[in-house]
Amino acid sequence: MGTKLIYFVRHGETENNAKNIRQGPEGSLTEKGRVQALATALRFPKKKGCPQVIISSPYQRTKETAEIIAEELKIPVEYSDLLVERKNPSEVIGHWSQEKGVKQIIDRIDGSYHPDDLRISDEENFIDLKKRAKKLLAYIARRREKRIIMITHGVFLKMVVSYMLYGNELTASKYNNLSYFNPIKNAGMAICSYIPHWFKKNEWKLLVWNDLS
């Protein structure tokens, strides 16, 4: 099958990102976010080595990012729910991250060590997110394209890369260590390679992280 290159791109800046407000599916890019998306698009070759397809989260901010890149590269866009952001607890969506009650929830989920099965309310918890990351990697392995751009979100992208590194041995504590020390900025890119092996080990490699050059 040969090597696949996967270009994971976090969406550009949104109004809520700029205001440090916790988001759901809604939220458009700011002008800065649109500029970021275009700058990312301009980094890809348009002829030899051009990505063959964009697969995007269907959220508004990722769709807008994908459309800007697709227009520049003249390649098709598909959408997959596998790429959506982690569902936040309803209590925090639309609220400033530093509000007292909101901050307590966020700190417990993202800023502390906790059991894998911790669940605050109706959010997608660590176990849910880990399962979805595994499904995404299997989905990528089945795709025929050799060069794919995937437009996704910060928390989920960190989970995907964490699962590449640890596989089924990934725990919430290991994920939080990686997440805390390895942020991914708006329009930041992570480049990964996939080389299938008959023994199914070390198939994924992280080549670049949070690249904005």
N, C-alpha and C. Protein backbone atom coordinates (compact mmCIF):
# COMPACT_ATOMS: atom_id res chain seq x y z
N MET A 1 0.81 -1.22 0.00
CA MET A 1 0.00 0.00 0.00
C MET A 1 0.85 1.27 0.00
N GLY A 2 2.05 1.21 0.59
CA GLY A 2 2.90 2.38 0.61
C GLY A 2 2.57 3.36 1.72
N THR A 3 3.41 4.38 1.83
CA THR A 3 3.26 5.38 2.89
C THR A 3 2.14 6.36 2.59
N LYS A 4 1.37 6.68 3.61
CA LYS A 4 0.39 7.76 3.52
C LYS A 4 0.89 8.93 4.35
N LEU A 5 0.65 10.14 3.87
CA LEU A 5 0.92 11.35 4.65
C LEU A 5 -0.41 12.00 5.00
N ILE A 6 -0.59 12.24 6.28
CA ILE A 6 -1.82 12.86 6.77
C ILE A 6 -1.45 14.21 7.36
N TYR A 7 -2.08 15.25 6.83
CA TYR A 7 -1.85 16.61 7.31
C TYR A 7 -3.04 17.02 8.17
N PHE A 8 -2.89 16.90 9.48
CA PHE A 8 -3.94 17.34 10.39
C PHE A 8 -3.81 18.85 10.61
N VAL A 9 -4.90 19.57 10.40
CA VAL A 9 -4.88 21.02 10.56
C VAL A 9 -5.98 21.42 11.54
N ARG A 10 -5.60 22.16 12.57
CA ARG A 10 -6.62 22.74 13.44
C ARG A 10 -7.24 23.93 12.72
N HIS A 11 -8.53 24.15 12.94
CA HIS A 11 -9.23 25.27 12.31
C HIS A 11 -8.61 26.61 12.70
N GLY A 12 -8.89 27.63 11.89
CA GLY A 12 -8.44 28.99 12.20
C GLY A 12 -9.16 29.57 13.41
N GLU A 13 -8.69 30.72 13.83
CA GLU A 13 -9.25 31.38 15.01
C GLU A 13 -10.73 31.70 14.82
N THR A 14 -11.52 31.52 15.89
CA THR A 14 -12.93 31.89 15.89
C THR A 14 -13.16 33.05 16.86
N GLU A 15 -14.35 33.61 16.78
CA GLU A 15 -14.72 34.69 17.71
C GLU A 15 -14.61 34.19 19.15
N ASN A 16 -15.09 32.97 19.40
CA ASN A 16 -15.05 32.45 20.76
C ASN A 16 -13.64 32.10 21.21
N ASN A 17 -12.78 31.63 20.30
CA ASN A 17 -11.38 31.43 20.65
C ASN A 17 -10.77 32.74 21.15
N ALA A 18 -11.03 33.80 20.41
CA ALA A 18 -10.46 35.11 20.75
C ALA A 18 -10.95 35.60 22.11
N LYS A 19 -12.17 35.19 22.48
CA LYS A 19 -12.76 35.63 23.75
C LYS A 19 -12.58 34.60 24.86
N ASN A 20 -11.92 33.48 24.56
CA ASN A 20 -11.71 32.40 25.53
C ASN A 20 -13.04 31.85 26.06
N ILE A 21 -13.96 31.64 25.12
CA ILE A 21 -15.27 31.09 25.45
C ILE A 21 -15.33 29.65 24.96
N ARG A 22 -15.86 28.76 25.79
CA ARG A 22 -15.99 27.34 25.42
C ARG A 22 -17.04 27.16 24.34
N GLN A 23 -16.70 26.38 23.32
CA GLN A 23 -17.53 26.29 22.13
C GLN A 23 -18.27 24.97 22.02
N GLY A 24 -19.39 25.03 21.26
CA GLY A 24 -20.06 23.86 20.75
C GLY A 24 -19.79 23.79 19.26
N PRO A 25 -20.73 23.27 18.48
CA PRO A 25 -20.52 23.19 17.03
C PRO A 25 -20.50 24.54 16.32
N GLU A 26 -21.17 25.55 16.89
CA GLU A 26 -21.31 26.83 16.22
C GLU A 26 -20.04 27.67 16.37
N GLY A 27 -19.95 28.69 15.52
CA GLY A 27 -18.85 29.64 15.64
C GLY A 27 -18.08 29.80 14.35
N SER A 28 -18.10 31.03 13.82
CA SER A 28 -17.41 31.33 12.56
C SER A 28 -15.97 31.75 12.80
N LEU A 29 -15.19 31.72 11.74
CA LEU A 29 -13.83 32.22 11.81
C LEU A 29 -13.83 33.74 11.90
N THR A 30 -12.86 34.28 12.61
CA THR A 30 -12.59 35.71 12.56
C THR A 30 -11.85 36.01 11.26
N GLU A 31 -11.66 37.30 10.99
CA GLU A 31 -10.84 37.67 9.83
C GLU A 31 -9.43 37.09 9.99
N LYS A 32 -8.91 37.15 11.20
CA LYS A 32 -7.59 36.55 11.46
C LYS A 32 -7.61 35.06 11.16
N GLY A 33 -8.70 34.39 11.54
CA GLY A 33 -8.82 32.96 11.28
C GLY A 33 -8.85 32.63 9.81
N ARG A 34 -9.50 33.47 9.01
CA ARG A 34 -9.53 33.25 7.56
C ARG A 34 -8.14 33.46 6.95
N VAL A 35 -7.44 34.45 7.45
CA VAL A 35 -6.06 34.68 6.98
C VAL A 35 -5.18 33.48 7.34
N GLN A 36 -5.36 32.95 8.55
CA GLN A 36 -4.59 31.78 8.97
C GLN A 36 -4.86 30.58 8.06
N ALA A 37 -6.13 30.37 7.73
CA ALA A 37 -6.49 29.23 6.87
C ALA A 37 -5.87 29.37 5.48
N LEU A 38 -5.90 30.59 4.94
CA LEU A 38 -5.30 30.81 3.63
C LEU A 38 -3.79 30.61 3.68
N ALA A 39 -3.16 31.09 4.73
CA ALA A 39 -1.71 30.91 4.87
C ALA A 39 -1.35 29.42 4.91
N THR A 40 -2.18 28.64 5.58
CA THR A 40 -1.96 27.19 5.61
C THR A 40 -2.10 26.60 4.21
N ALA A 41 -3.14 27.02 3.50
CA ALA A 41 -3.37 26.52 2.14
C ALA A 41 -2.18 26.79 1.23
N LEU A 42 -1.59 27.96 1.37
CA LEU A 42 -0.49 28.36 0.49
C LEU A 42 0.79 27.57 0.73
N ARG A 43 0.84 26.83 1.81
CA ARG A 43 2.03 26.03 2.12
C ARG A 43 2.05 24.69 1.38
N PHE A 44 0.91 24.29 0.84
CA PHE A 44 0.85 23.00 0.14
C PHE A 44 1.22 23.16 -1.33
N PRO A 45 1.90 22.17 -1.91
CA PRO A 45 2.16 22.21 -3.35
C PRO A 45 0.87 22.05 -4.13
N LYS A 46 0.76 22.70 -5.28
CA LYS A 46 -0.45 22.63 -6.09
C LYS A 46 -0.36 21.61 -7.21
N LYS A 47 0.84 21.11 -7.45
CA LYS A 47 1.00 20.11 -8.52
C LYS A 47 1.57 18.83 -7.92
N LYS A 48 2.82 18.55 -8.16
CA LYS A 48 3.41 17.33 -7.63
C LYS A 48 3.38 17.34 -6.10
N GLY A 49 2.81 16.30 -5.52
CA GLY A 49 2.73 16.21 -4.07
C GLY A 49 1.53 16.88 -3.46
N CYS A 50 0.63 17.42 -4.29
CA CYS A 50 -0.56 18.09 -3.75
C CYS A 50 -1.46 17.06 -3.05
N PRO A 51 -2.00 17.40 -1.89
CA PRO A 51 -2.96 16.50 -1.26
C PRO A 51 -4.12 16.20 -2.20
N GLN A 52 -4.70 15.02 -2.04
CA GLN A 52 -5.74 14.56 -2.95
C GLN A 52 -7.15 14.87 -2.48
N VAL A 53 -7.33 15.04 -1.19
CA VAL A 53 -8.66 15.27 -0.65
C VAL A 53 -8.54 15.95 0.71
N ILE A 54 -9.56 16.71 1.06
CA ILE A 54 -9.70 17.27 2.41
C ILE A 54 -10.87 16.55 3.07
N ILE A 55 -10.65 16.08 4.28
CA ILE A 55 -11.73 15.51 5.09
C ILE A 55 -11.83 16.38 6.34
N SER A 56 -13.02 16.89 6.60
CA SER A 56 -13.19 17.91 7.63
C SER A 56 -14.28 17.55 8.63
N SER A 57 -14.08 17.99 9.84
CA SER A 57 -15.19 18.05 10.79
C SER A 57 -16.29 18.92 10.20
N PRO A 58 -17.57 18.58 10.42
CA PRO A 58 -18.65 19.38 9.85
C PRO A 58 -19.01 20.63 10.65
N TYR A 59 -18.27 20.93 11.72
CA TYR A 59 -18.56 22.14 12.49
C TYR A 59 -18.29 23.38 11.64
N GLN A 60 -18.94 24.46 11.98
CA GLN A 60 -18.86 25.67 11.16
C GLN A 60 -17.43 26.16 10.97
N ARG A 61 -16.66 26.19 12.03
CA ARG A 61 -15.30 26.73 11.96
C ARG A 61 -14.37 25.85 11.13
N THR A 62 -14.57 24.53 11.20
CA THR A 62 -13.73 23.65 10.39
C THR A 62 -14.18 23.64 8.93
N LYS A 63 -15.49 23.74 8.70
CA LYS A 63 -15.98 23.83 7.32
C LYS A 63 -15.41 25.05 6.62
N GLU A 64 -15.43 26.19 7.31
CA GLU A 64 -14.90 27.42 6.71
C GLU A 64 -13.40 27.28 6.42
N THR A 65 -12.68 26.68 7.35
CA THR A 65 -11.24 26.45 7.14
C THR A 65 -11.02 25.54 5.94
N ALA A 66 -11.78 24.45 5.87
CA ALA A 66 -11.65 23.49 4.77
C ALA A 66 -11.97 24.13 3.43
N GLU A 67 -13.02 24.95 3.40
CA GLU A 67 -13.43 25.58 2.14
C GLU A 67 -12.35 26.53 1.61
N ILE A 68 -11.71 27.26 2.51
CA ILE A 68 -10.64 28.18 2.10
C ILE A 68 -9.47 27.40 1.51
N ILE A 69 -9.08 26.32 2.16
CA ILE A 69 -7.96 25.52 1.67
C ILE A 69 -8.32 24.82 0.36
N ALA A 70 -9.54 24.29 0.29
CA ALA A 70 -9.98 23.59 -0.92
C ALA A 70 -10.03 24.52 -2.13
N GLU A 71 -10.47 25.74 -1.91
CA GLU A 71 -10.55 26.71 -3.00
C GLU A 71 -9.17 27.01 -3.55
N GLU A 72 -8.20 27.10 -2.68
CA GLU A 72 -6.84 27.40 -3.12
C GLU A 72 -6.20 26.22 -3.83
N LEU A 73 -6.44 25.00 -3.33
CA LEU A 73 -5.78 23.82 -3.88
C LEU A 73 -6.59 23.13 -4.97
N LYS A 74 -7.87 23.52 -5.10
CA LYS A 74 -8.75 22.92 -6.11
C LYS A 74 -8.89 21.40 -5.90
N ILE A 75 -9.15 21.02 -4.67
CA ILE A 75 -9.37 19.61 -4.35
C ILE A 75 -10.70 19.46 -3.61
N PRO A 76 -11.29 18.27 -3.64
CA PRO A 76 -12.62 18.08 -3.03
C PRO A 76 -12.57 18.05 -1.51
N VAL A 77 -13.73 18.33 -0.91
CA VAL A 77 -13.88 18.28 0.54
C VAL A 77 -14.95 17.25 0.89
N GLU A 78 -14.65 16.43 1.86
CA GLU A 78 -15.62 15.52 2.45
C GLU A 78 -15.74 15.85 3.93
N TYR A 79 -16.81 15.37 4.55
CA TYR A 79 -17.03 15.67 5.97
C TYR A 79 -17.22 14.38 6.75
N SER A 80 -16.69 14.36 7.95
CA SER A 80 -16.80 13.18 8.81
C SER A 80 -17.00 13.60 10.26
N ASP A 81 -17.99 13.01 10.91
CA ASP A 81 -18.22 13.26 12.32
C ASP A 81 -17.11 12.71 13.20
N LEU A 82 -16.27 11.84 12.65
CA LEU A 82 -15.14 11.33 13.42
C LEU A 82 -14.17 12.44 13.81
N LEU A 83 -14.21 13.56 13.09
CA LEU A 83 -13.24 14.64 13.30
C LEU A 83 -13.76 15.78 14.17
N VAL A 84 -14.98 15.67 14.70
CA VAL A 84 -15.53 16.78 15.49
C VAL A 84 -14.75 16.94 16.79
N GLU A 85 -14.93 18.10 17.41
CA GLU A 85 -14.28 18.36 18.69
C GLU A 85 -14.96 17.56 19.79
N ARG A 86 -14.22 17.32 20.85
CA ARG A 86 -14.81 16.70 22.03
C ARG A 86 -16.04 17.50 22.46
N LYS A 87 -17.12 16.80 22.73
CA LYS A 87 -18.33 17.47 23.23
C LYS A 87 -18.07 17.92 24.66
N ASN A 88 -18.15 19.22 24.88
CA ASN A 88 -17.97 19.77 26.21
C ASN A 88 -19.21 19.55 27.07
N PRO A 89 -19.07 19.55 28.40
CA PRO A 89 -20.26 19.52 29.24
C PRO A 89 -21.15 20.72 28.92
N SER A 90 -22.45 20.51 28.90
CA SER A 90 -23.38 21.59 28.56
C SER A 90 -23.19 22.80 29.46
N GLU A 91 -22.77 22.55 30.70
CA GLU A 91 -22.63 23.64 31.67
C GLU A 91 -21.59 24.69 31.26
N VAL A 92 -20.64 24.32 30.39
CA VAL A 92 -19.57 25.26 30.06
C VAL A 92 -19.72 25.89 28.68
N ILE A 93 -20.53 25.30 27.81
CA ILE A 93 -20.64 25.80 26.43
C ILE A 93 -21.23 27.20 26.42
N GLY A 94 -20.54 28.09 25.72
CA GLY A 94 -20.99 29.47 25.63
C GLY A 94 -20.55 30.34 26.79
N HIS A 95 -19.73 29.79 27.68
CA HIS A 95 -19.29 30.54 28.86
C HIS A 95 -17.79 30.82 28.80
N TRP A 96 -17.41 31.93 29.40
CA TRP A 96 -16.01 32.30 29.52
C TRP A 96 -15.27 31.26 30.35
N SER A 97 -14.11 30.86 29.89
CA SER A 97 -13.38 29.76 30.53
C SER A 97 -12.95 30.07 31.96
N GLN A 98 -12.87 31.37 32.32
CA GLN A 98 -12.40 31.73 33.66
C GLN A 98 -13.54 31.96 34.65
N GLU A 99 -14.79 31.79 34.22
CA GLU A 99 -15.88 31.83 35.20
C GLU A 99 -15.63 30.76 36.26
N LYS A 100 -15.98 31.05 37.50
CA LYS A 100 -15.61 30.17 38.60
C LYS A 100 -16.07 28.73 38.38
N GLY A 101 -17.37 28.52 38.16
CA GLY A 101 -17.88 27.17 37.98
C GLY A 101 -17.34 26.50 36.74
N VAL A 102 -17.20 27.28 35.68
CA VAL A 102 -16.67 26.75 34.41
C VAL A 102 -15.22 26.34 34.58
N LYS A 103 -14.44 27.19 35.22
CA LYS A 103 -13.01 26.89 35.42
C LYS A 103 -12.82 25.61 36.24
N GLN A 104 -13.66 25.41 37.23
CA GLN A 104 -13.55 24.21 38.05
C GLN A 104 -13.77 22.95 37.22
N ILE A 105 -14.76 23.00 36.33
CA ILE A 105 -15.04 21.85 35.48
C ILE A 105 -13.89 21.61 34.51
N ILE A 106 -13.43 22.67 33.87
CA ILE A 106 -12.35 22.54 32.88
C ILE A 106 -11.07 22.03 33.55
N ASP A 107 -10.76 22.57 34.74
CA ASP A 107 -9.56 22.13 35.45
C ASP A 107 -9.65 20.64 35.79
N ARG A 108 -10.83 20.20 36.16
CA ARG A 108 -10.99 18.79 36.53
C ARG A 108 -10.83 17.87 35.31
N ILE A 109 -11.37 18.30 34.18
CA ILE A 109 -11.30 17.46 32.98
C ILE A 109 -9.92 17.53 32.33
N ASP A 110 -9.38 18.75 32.18
CA ASP A 110 -8.18 18.96 31.37
C ASP A 110 -6.91 19.24 32.16
N GLY A 111 -7.05 19.66 33.41
CA GLY A 111 -5.88 20.12 34.14
C GLY A 111 -5.52 19.31 35.35
N SER A 112 -6.07 18.10 35.46
CA SER A 112 -5.77 17.27 36.62
C SER A 112 -5.73 15.80 36.21
N TYR A 113 -5.09 14.99 37.04
CA TYR A 113 -5.10 13.55 36.81
C TYR A 113 -6.41 13.00 37.35
N HIS A 114 -7.02 12.14 36.57
CA HIS A 114 -8.32 11.60 36.98
C HIS A 114 -8.52 10.21 36.38
N PRO A 115 -9.47 9.45 36.90
CA PRO A 115 -9.73 8.12 36.33
C PRO A 115 -10.17 8.23 34.87
N ASP A 116 -9.90 7.19 34.12
CA ASP A 116 -10.28 7.19 32.70
C ASP A 116 -11.78 7.37 32.51
N ASP A 117 -12.57 6.89 33.46
CA ASP A 117 -14.03 6.91 33.28
C ASP A 117 -14.70 8.14 33.91
N LEU A 118 -13.91 9.14 34.31
CA LEU A 118 -14.52 10.36 34.86
C LEU A 118 -15.51 10.96 33.88
N ARG A 119 -16.68 11.31 34.38
CA ARG A 119 -17.68 12.01 33.56
C ARG A 119 -18.36 13.04 34.45
N ILE A 120 -18.35 14.31 34.00
CA ILE A 120 -18.95 15.39 34.77
C ILE A 120 -20.46 15.41 34.57
N SER A 121 -20.89 15.38 33.31
CA SER A 121 -22.34 15.38 33.02
C SER A 121 -22.58 14.71 31.67
N ASP A 122 -22.81 15.52 30.63
CA ASP A 122 -23.17 14.96 29.33
C ASP A 122 -22.04 15.08 28.30
N GLU A 123 -20.82 15.29 28.76
CA GLU A 123 -19.70 15.48 27.83
C GLU A 123 -19.22 14.15 27.26
N GLU A 124 -18.37 14.26 26.25
CA GLU A 124 -17.63 13.11 25.73
C GLU A 124 -16.41 12.96 26.63
N ASN A 125 -16.31 11.85 27.35
CA ASN A 125 -15.21 11.73 28.30
C ASN A 125 -13.99 11.07 27.65
N PHE A 126 -12.97 10.81 28.45
CA PHE A 126 -11.72 10.26 27.92
C PHE A 126 -11.95 8.96 27.17
N ILE A 127 -12.71 8.05 27.75
CA ILE A 127 -12.93 6.75 27.11
C ILE A 127 -13.64 6.92 25.77
N ASP A 128 -14.65 7.79 25.74
CA ASP A 128 -15.37 8.07 24.49
C ASP A 128 -14.41 8.59 23.42
N LEU A 129 -13.59 9.54 23.83
CA LEU A 129 -12.69 10.20 22.87
C LEU A 129 -11.61 9.25 22.36
N LYS A 130 -11.11 8.42 23.26
CA LYS A 130 -10.11 7.42 22.87
C LYS A 130 -10.67 6.45 21.84
N LYS A 131 -11.91 6.01 22.05
CA LYS A 131 -12.55 5.09 21.09
C LYS A 131 -12.70 5.76 19.73
N ARG A 132 -13.05 7.03 19.73
CA ARG A 132 -13.24 7.74 18.46
C ARG A 132 -11.91 7.94 17.74
N ALA A 133 -10.85 8.23 18.49
CA ALA A 133 -9.53 8.36 17.87
C ALA A 133 -9.12 7.05 17.20
N LYS A 134 -9.37 5.94 17.87
CA LYS A 134 -9.06 4.62 17.30
C LYS A 134 -9.84 4.40 16.01
N LYS A 135 -11.12 4.77 16.01
CA LYS A 135 -11.95 4.61 14.81
C LYS A 135 -11.43 5.48 13.67
N LEU A 136 -10.98 6.70 14.00
CA LEU A 136 -10.47 7.58 12.95
C LEU A 136 -9.23 6.98 12.29
N LEU A 137 -8.31 6.46 13.08
CA LEU A 137 -7.09 5.90 12.51
C LEU A 137 -7.41 4.69 11.63
N ALA A 138 -8.38 3.89 12.03
CA ALA A 138 -8.79 2.76 11.19
C ALA A 138 -9.42 3.25 9.89
N TYR A 139 -10.18 4.33 9.99
CA TYR A 139 -10.81 4.93 8.80
C TYR A 139 -9.75 5.44 7.83
N ILE A 140 -8.73 6.11 8.36
CA ILE A 140 -7.65 6.61 7.50
C ILE A 140 -6.93 5.45 6.82
N ALA A 141 -6.68 4.39 7.56
CA ALA A 141 -5.97 3.24 7.00
C ALA A 141 -6.73 2.63 5.82
N ARG A 142 -8.05 2.73 5.85
CA ARG A 142 -8.87 2.15 4.77
C ARG A 142 -8.93 3.05 3.54
N ARG A 143 -8.63 4.32 3.69
CA ARG A 143 -8.72 5.25 2.56
C ARG A 143 -7.65 4.91 1.52
N ARG A 144 -7.99 5.16 0.26
CA ARG A 144 -7.07 4.83 -0.82
C ARG A 144 -6.07 5.96 -1.10
N GLU A 145 -6.41 7.19 -0.70
CA GLU A 145 -5.53 8.33 -1.00
C GLU A 145 -4.22 8.22 -0.21
N LYS A 146 -3.17 8.77 -0.79
CA LYS A 146 -1.85 8.76 -0.16
C LYS A 146 -1.54 10.06 0.58
N ARG A 147 -2.24 11.13 0.25
CA ARG A 147 -2.00 12.43 0.87
C ARG A 147 -3.35 13.06 1.20
N ILE A 148 -3.62 13.19 2.49
CA ILE A 148 -4.93 13.63 2.96
C ILE A 148 -4.76 14.79 3.93
N ILE A 149 -5.55 15.84 3.73
CA ILE A 149 -5.65 16.92 4.73
C ILE A 149 -6.88 16.65 5.59
N MET A 150 -6.72 16.71 6.90
CA MET A 150 -7.84 16.53 7.81
C MET A 150 -7.98 17.78 8.67
N ILE A 151 -9.14 18.42 8.58
CA ILE A 151 -9.39 19.64 9.35
C ILE A 151 -10.17 19.26 10.60
N THR A 152 -9.58 19.55 11.75
CA THR A 152 -10.18 19.09 12.99
C THR A 152 -10.01 20.14 14.09
N HIS A 153 -9.97 19.70 15.33
CA HIS A 153 -10.01 20.59 16.50
C HIS A 153 -8.89 20.24 17.47
N GLY A 154 -8.59 21.18 18.36
CA GLY A 154 -7.43 21.05 19.22
C GLY A 154 -7.43 19.85 20.14
N VAL A 155 -8.48 19.69 20.95
CA VAL A 155 -8.51 18.60 21.92
C VAL A 155 -8.50 17.26 21.21
N PHE A 156 -9.32 17.13 20.18
CA PHE A 156 -9.39 15.83 19.51
C PHE A 156 -8.09 15.51 18.79
N LEU A 157 -7.44 16.50 18.20
CA LEU A 157 -6.17 16.24 17.52
C LEU A 157 -5.13 15.73 18.50
N LYS A 158 -5.10 16.30 19.69
CA LYS A 158 -4.15 15.82 20.70
C LYS A 158 -4.47 14.39 21.12
N MET A 159 -5.75 14.04 21.16
CA MET A 159 -6.12 12.66 21.48
C MET A 159 -5.68 11.71 20.38
N VAL A 160 -5.85 12.11 19.12
CA VAL A 160 -5.44 11.26 18.00
C VAL A 160 -3.95 10.96 18.06
N VAL A 161 -3.15 12.00 18.26
CA VAL A 161 -1.70 11.80 18.31
C VAL A 161 -1.30 10.98 19.54
N SER A 162 -1.98 11.21 20.65
CA SER A 162 -1.71 10.41 21.85
C SER A 162 -1.99 8.94 21.60
N TYR A 163 -3.09 8.67 20.88
CA TYR A 163 -3.41 7.27 20.59
C TYR A 163 -2.39 6.65 19.63
N MET A 164 -1.89 7.45 18.70
CA MET A 164 -0.83 6.94 17.82
C MET A 164 0.37 6.47 18.64
N LEU A 165 0.70 7.22 19.68
CA LEU A 165 1.89 6.93 20.47
C LEU A 165 1.69 5.74 21.41
N TYR A 166 0.52 5.67 22.04
CA TYR A 166 0.30 4.68 23.09
C TYR A 166 -0.66 3.55 22.72
N GLY A 167 -1.48 3.75 21.71
CA GLY A 167 -2.46 2.74 21.35
C GLY A 167 -3.42 2.46 22.49
N ASN A 168 -3.76 1.20 22.68
CA ASN A 168 -4.71 0.83 23.73
C ASN A 168 -4.18 1.05 25.13
N GLU A 169 -2.87 1.28 25.27
CA GLU A 169 -2.27 1.54 26.58
C GLU A 169 -2.46 2.99 27.02
N LEU A 170 -3.04 3.82 26.18
CA LEU A 170 -3.25 5.22 26.53
C LEU A 170 -4.19 5.34 27.71
N THR A 171 -3.80 6.15 28.70
CA THR A 171 -4.65 6.46 29.85
C THR A 171 -4.92 7.95 29.90
N ALA A 172 -5.88 8.34 30.72
CA ALA A 172 -6.19 9.76 30.86
C ALA A 172 -4.98 10.53 31.38
N SER A 173 -4.21 9.93 32.27
CA SER A 173 -3.02 10.61 32.81
C SER A 173 -1.96 10.83 31.74
N LYS A 174 -1.73 9.81 30.91
CA LYS A 174 -0.76 9.96 29.82
C LYS A 174 -1.24 11.02 28.83
N TYR A 175 -2.53 10.98 28.52
CA TYR A 175 -3.08 11.98 27.60
C TYR A 175 -2.91 13.38 28.17
N ASN A 176 -3.24 13.59 29.44
CA ASN A 176 -3.15 14.92 30.02
C ASN A 176 -1.72 15.44 30.05
N ASN A 177 -0.76 14.55 30.27
CA ASN A 177 0.65 14.96 30.21
C ASN A 177 0.99 15.51 28.83
N LEU A 178 0.62 14.77 27.80
CA LEU A 178 0.90 15.20 26.43
C LEU A 178 0.13 16.46 26.08
N SER A 179 -1.12 16.50 26.47
CA SER A 179 -1.98 17.64 26.13
C SER A 179 -1.47 18.93 26.75
N TYR A 180 -1.08 18.85 28.02
CA TYR A 180 -0.67 20.04 28.75
C TYR A 180 0.61 20.65 28.18
N PHE A 181 1.55 19.80 27.80
CA PHE A 181 2.87 20.29 27.36
C PHE A 181 2.98 20.45 25.85
N ASN A 182 1.95 20.07 25.10
CA ASN A 182 2.02 20.13 23.64
C ASN A 182 0.78 20.78 23.05
N PRO A 183 0.61 22.09 23.25
CA PRO A 183 -0.56 22.77 22.68
C PRO A 183 -0.51 22.79 21.16
N ILE A 184 -1.67 22.93 20.56
CA ILE A 184 -1.77 23.08 19.10
C ILE A 184 -2.50 24.39 18.83
N LYS A 185 -1.87 25.30 18.14
CA LYS A 185 -2.44 26.63 17.92
C LYS A 185 -3.44 26.62 16.77
N ASN A 186 -4.24 27.68 16.69
CA ASN A 186 -5.17 27.81 15.56
C ASN A 186 -4.41 27.75 14.25
N ALA A 187 -4.88 26.91 13.33
CA ALA A 187 -4.26 26.66 12.03
C ALA A 187 -2.92 25.94 12.13
N GLY A 188 -2.57 25.47 13.33
CA GLY A 188 -1.37 24.67 13.48
C GLY A 188 -1.53 23.33 12.77
N MET A 189 -0.42 22.80 12.27
CA MET A 189 -0.46 21.56 11.50
C MET A 189 0.37 20.47 12.17
N ALA A 190 -0.18 19.27 12.17
CA ALA A 190 0.56 18.08 12.58
C ALA A 190 0.63 17.15 11.38
N ILE A 191 1.82 16.75 11.00
CA ILE A 191 1.99 15.85 9.86
C ILE A 191 2.37 14.47 10.38
N CYS A 192 1.62 13.48 9.93
CA CYS A 192 1.84 12.10 10.38
C CYS A 192 1.98 11.19 9.17
N SER A 193 2.73 10.13 9.35
CA SER A 193 2.83 9.12 8.29
C SER A 193 2.23 7.81 8.78
N TYR A 194 1.69 7.07 7.81
CA TYR A 194 1.13 5.75 8.10
C TYR A 194 1.73 4.76 7.12
N ILE A 195 2.42 3.76 7.66
CA ILE A 195 2.99 2.69 6.84
C ILE A 195 2.46 1.37 7.39
N PRO A 196 1.58 0.69 6.66
CA PRO A 196 1.00 -0.55 7.18
C PRO A 196 2.03 -1.66 7.31
N HIS A 197 1.92 -2.40 8.42
CA HIS A 197 2.78 -3.56 8.67
C HIS A 197 1.91 -4.76 8.99
N TRP A 198 2.38 -5.91 8.60
CA TRP A 198 1.57 -7.11 8.84
C TRP A 198 1.38 -7.38 10.33
N PHE A 199 2.35 -6.93 11.19
CA PHE A 199 2.24 -7.19 12.63
C PHE A 199 1.57 -6.03 13.37
N LYS A 200 1.14 -5.01 12.63
CA LYS A 200 0.31 -3.93 13.17
C LYS A 200 0.98 -3.15 14.29
N LYS A 201 2.29 -2.98 14.25
CA LYS A 201 2.99 -2.20 15.27
C LYS A 201 3.78 -1.08 14.61
N ASN A 202 3.81 0.06 15.31
CA ASN A 202 4.59 1.22 14.84
C ASN A 202 4.22 1.64 13.43
N GLU A 203 2.94 1.57 13.12
CA GLU A 203 2.49 1.96 11.78
C GLU A 203 2.40 3.48 11.63
N TRP A 204 2.17 4.16 12.75
CA TRP A 204 1.99 5.61 12.73
C TRP A 204 3.23 6.32 13.27
N LYS A 205 3.60 7.42 12.62
CA LYS A 205 4.70 8.25 13.12
C LYS A 205 4.28 9.72 13.05
N LEU A 206 4.59 10.44 14.11
CA LEU A 206 4.38 11.89 14.13
C LEU A 206 5.64 12.55 13.59
N LEU A 207 5.52 13.25 12.48
CA LEU A 207 6.67 13.87 11.82
C LEU A 207 6.83 15.34 12.20
N VAL A 208 5.71 16.03 12.35
CA VAL A 208 5.71 17.48 12.62
C VAL A 208 4.56 17.78 13.57
N TRP A 209 4.79 18.71 14.52
CA TRP A 209 3.72 19.07 15.45
C TRP A 209 3.60 20.59 15.56
N ASN A 210 2.38 21.09 15.48
CA ASN A 210 2.07 22.51 15.70
C ASN A 210 2.90 23.41 14.79
N ASP A 211 3.04 23.02 13.55
CA ASP A 211 3.85 23.79 12.60
C ASP A 211 3.04 24.95 12.04
N LEU A 212 3.60 26.14 12.10
CA LEU A 212 2.96 27.34 11.56
C LEU A 212 3.88 28.08 10.61
N SER A 213 4.97 27.44 10.19
CA SER A 213 5.98 28.13 9.39
C SER A 213 5.48 28.41 7.98
